[in-house]
Amino acid sequence: MGDSGTTELYLQEDTYSALAFKPVPGVHGPHSWGMALLGDPEIRLTTVPKAIEFHRGIEGSRKQLHLQSLRNYWVERVRDLPGMQILTPDDTARHGAVTSFRLPAMRDYTQAQKMATLLLKKHRVLTVARTGIAQGSAVRVAPTLYNTHQELDRLVAALRQESGAFV
């Protein structure tokens, strides 16, 4: 569920000169710069300082409760699917928002990748295939602070529609 177009980038002040920076039109200020790195002119970091400021203004325990409620929202709606295994414990002391699931046919990484690709391409839901997990591969769902119940409903509907092919 994460945003595939955003990433966090930390640069030390003395490394700026090693990168190809260019100004962002119409934006001014000490943190209002755009960046072309590795030839990609679409990378923009103009909102990172504002995002950091916003996150610092929200108490950590409030973030945790919200993320856990998002996790529980979708998990409660798919737990009854035939063969569905929720691989993250329900105990809130043992999870945040990230939760992996597995269906019976996902015993290898190829099948987990197939599900993650299907969720993204057909349903526009970003998940990640995981390997190295006991008893087979799985798919990881990672709601973020800004995800809505409507977006999670799309995940739930997608899992309900596609899970039969993985049983």
Protein backbone atom coordinates (compact mmCIF):
# COMPACT_ATOMS: atom_id res chain seq x y z
CA MET A 1 0.00 0.00 0.00
CA GLY A 2 3.05 2.27 0.20
CA ASP A 3 3.67 5.08 -2.23
CA SER A 4 6.02 3.85 -4.92
CA GLY A 5 6.85 7.43 -5.96
CA THR A 6 8.27 8.66 -2.67
CA THR A 7 11.44 7.81 -0.90
CA GLU A 8 13.51 9.26 1.88
CA LEU A 9 16.90 10.62 0.96
CA TYR A 10 19.41 12.03 3.40
CA LEU A 11 22.34 14.00 2.06
CA GLN A 12 25.19 15.49 4.00
CA GLU A 13 25.70 19.16 3.17
CA ASP A 14 29.17 18.52 1.70
CA THR A 15 27.81 15.97 -0.83
CA TYR A 16 25.49 18.41 -2.65
CA SER A 17 28.20 19.46 -5.10
CA ALA A 18 28.65 15.86 -6.27
CA LEU A 19 25.05 15.71 -7.53
CA ALA A 20 23.40 17.42 -10.48
CA PHE A 21 20.90 19.83 -8.90
CA LYS A 22 18.55 22.15 -10.68
CA PRO A 23 16.03 24.65 -9.28
CA VAL A 24 12.34 23.82 -9.21
CA PRO A 25 10.39 26.51 -11.13
CA GLY A 26 8.23 28.71 -8.91
CA VAL A 27 9.56 27.30 -5.62
CA HIS A 28 11.97 29.27 -3.45
CA GLY A 29 13.69 28.75 -0.10
CA PRO A 30 16.56 26.84 1.48
CA HIS A 31 14.95 23.42 1.02
CA SER A 32 13.20 24.04 -2.29
CA TRP A 33 15.43 22.29 -4.73
CA GLY A 34 14.84 19.69 -7.36
CA MET A 35 17.38 17.09 -8.23
CA ALA A 36 18.33 15.15 -11.33
CA LEU A 37 20.25 12.10 -10.19
CA LEU A 38 21.40 9.34 -12.50
CA GLY A 39 19.82 11.16 -15.42
CA ASP A 40 16.26 11.10 -14.05
CA PRO A 41 14.84 14.65 -14.26
CA GLU A 42 11.58 13.60 -12.56
CA ILE A 43 13.07 13.17 -9.09
CA ARG A 44 11.89 16.03 -6.87
CA LEU A 45 12.58 16.50 -3.19
CA THR A 46 10.73 19.77 -2.57
CA THR A 47 8.35 18.44 0.07
CA VAL A 48 10.66 16.34 2.23
CA PRO A 49 11.29 19.04 4.87
CA LYS A 50 7.54 19.69 5.17
CA ALA A 51 6.85 15.95 5.48
CA ILE A 52 9.46 15.61 8.23
CA GLU A 53 7.97 18.59 10.07
CA PHE A 54 4.48 17.09 9.78
CA HIS A 55 5.58 13.69 11.11
CA ARG A 56 7.47 15.24 14.00
CA GLY A 57 4.25 17.01 15.01
CA ILE A 58 2.34 13.73 15.46
CA GLU A 59 2.93 11.76 18.63
CA GLY A 60 4.53 8.37 17.91
CA SER A 61 1.94 6.42 19.88
CA ARG A 62 -0.85 8.02 17.80
CA LYS A 63 0.90 6.96 14.60
CA GLN A 64 1.30 3.44 15.93
CA LEU A 65 -2.38 3.15 16.92
CA HIS A 66 -3.51 4.46 13.54
CA LEU A 67 -1.22 2.13 11.59
CA GLN A 68 -2.31 -0.85 13.68
CA SER A 69 -5.96 0.03 13.09
CA LEU A 70 -5.32 0.10 9.32
CA ARG A 71 -3.60 -3.28 9.53
CA ASN A 72 -6.47 -4.75 11.54
CA TYR A 73 -9.05 -3.27 9.15
CA TRP A 74 -7.90 -5.27 6.14
CA VAL A 75 -6.82 -8.38 8.06
CA GLU A 76 -10.24 -8.77 9.70
CA ARG A 77 -11.89 -8.63 6.26
CA VAL A 78 -9.78 -11.36 4.61
CA ARG A 79 -9.04 -13.74 7.47
CA ASP A 80 -12.02 -15.94 6.45
CA LEU A 81 -10.75 -16.58 2.91
CA PRO A 82 -10.09 -20.30 2.29
CA GLY A 83 -6.48 -21.10 3.09
CA MET A 84 -5.59 -17.52 4.12
CA GLN A 85 -2.69 -17.41 6.57
CA ILE A 86 -1.97 -14.11 8.30
CA LEU A 87 1.69 -14.45 9.25
CA THR A 88 1.91 -11.54 11.67
CA PRO A 89 0.56 -12.05 15.20
CA ASP A 90 -2.58 -10.15 16.21
CA ASP A 91 -0.97 -9.09 19.50
CA THR A 92 -0.48 -5.32 19.09
CA ALA A 93 2.74 -5.54 21.09
CA ARG A 94 4.15 -7.65 18.24
CA HIS A 95 3.12 -5.72 15.13
CA GLY A 96 2.82 -2.29 13.59
CA ALA A 97 1.18 -1.92 10.19
CA VAL A 98 3.25 -4.32 8.11
CA THR A 99 1.67 -7.76 7.81
CA SER A 100 2.38 -10.66 5.49
CA PHE A 101 -0.09 -13.20 4.22
CA ARG A 102 0.13 -16.48 2.41
CA LEU A 103 -2.32 -18.60 0.47
CA PRO A 104 -1.74 -22.36 -0.06
CA ALA A 105 -0.29 -22.04 -3.58
CA MET A 106 2.30 -19.47 -2.43
CA ARG A 107 4.88 -21.99 -1.32
CA ASP A 108 7.53 -20.51 -3.58
CA TYR A 109 8.68 -17.02 -4.40
CA THR A 110 7.39 -17.19 -7.98
CA GLN A 111 3.81 -17.61 -6.75
CA ALA A 112 4.16 -14.79 -4.22
CA GLN A 113 5.53 -12.57 -7.00
CA LYS A 114 2.61 -13.57 -9.20
CA MET A 115 0.14 -12.43 -6.53
CA ALA A 116 1.98 -9.16 -5.87
CA THR A 117 2.15 -8.42 -9.60
CA LEU A 118 -1.54 -9.23 -10.04
CA LEU A 119 -2.49 -6.94 -7.15
CA LEU A 120 -0.47 -4.09 -8.63
CA LYS A 121 -1.29 -4.40 -12.32
CA LYS A 122 -4.93 -5.39 -12.11
CA HIS A 123 -6.01 -3.69 -8.87
CA ARG A 124 -3.44 -0.90 -8.38
CA VAL A 125 -2.49 -2.14 -4.92
CA LEU A 126 1.22 -2.08 -4.07
CA THR A 127 2.44 -5.11 -2.10
CA VAL A 128 5.78 -6.91 -1.99
CA ALA A 129 6.57 -10.58 -2.50
CA ARG A 130 8.76 -11.89 0.32
CA THR A 131 11.04 -14.88 0.49
CA GLY A 132 13.04 -16.38 3.33
CA ILE A 133 9.98 -16.77 5.54
CA ALA A 134 9.45 -20.07 7.35
CA GLN A 135 7.31 -22.55 5.39
CA GLY A 136 7.34 -20.60 2.13
CA SER A 137 7.12 -17.21 0.55
CA ALA A 138 4.44 -14.62 1.28
CA VAL A 139 3.13 -11.21 0.26
CA ARG A 140 3.71 -8.19 2.49
CA VAL A 141 1.12 -5.43 2.89
CA ALA A 142 2.36 -2.17 4.39
CA PRO A 143 -0.33 0.48 4.94
CA THR A 144 0.99 3.97 5.52
CA LEU A 145 -0.27 6.84 7.64
CA TYR A 146 -2.16 8.37 4.76
CA ASN A 147 -3.90 5.21 3.48
CA THR A 148 -7.69 5.27 3.76
CA HIS A 149 -10.26 2.58 4.47
CA GLN A 150 -11.43 2.97 0.85
CA GLU A 151 -7.94 2.05 -0.38
CA LEU A 152 -7.84 -0.91 1.97
CA ASP A 153 -11.28 -1.94 0.72
CA ARG A 154 -9.70 -2.14 -2.74
CA LEU A 155 -7.06 -4.50 -1.31
CA VAL A 156 -9.74 -6.61 0.38
CA ALA A 157 -11.83 -6.80 -2.80
CA ALA A 158 -8.73 -7.75 -4.81
CA LEU A 159 -7.78 -10.52 -2.38
CA ARG A 160 -11.35 -11.83 -2.36
CA GLN A 161 -11.37 -11.86 -6.16
CA GLU A 162 -7.92 -13.36 -6.74
CA SER A 163 -7.40 -15.68 -3.78
CA GLY A 164 -9.18 -18.62 -5.46
CA ALA A 165 -6.34 -18.96 -7.96
CA PHE A 166 -3.87 -19.48 -5.09
CA VAL A 167 -5.70 -22.11 -3.05
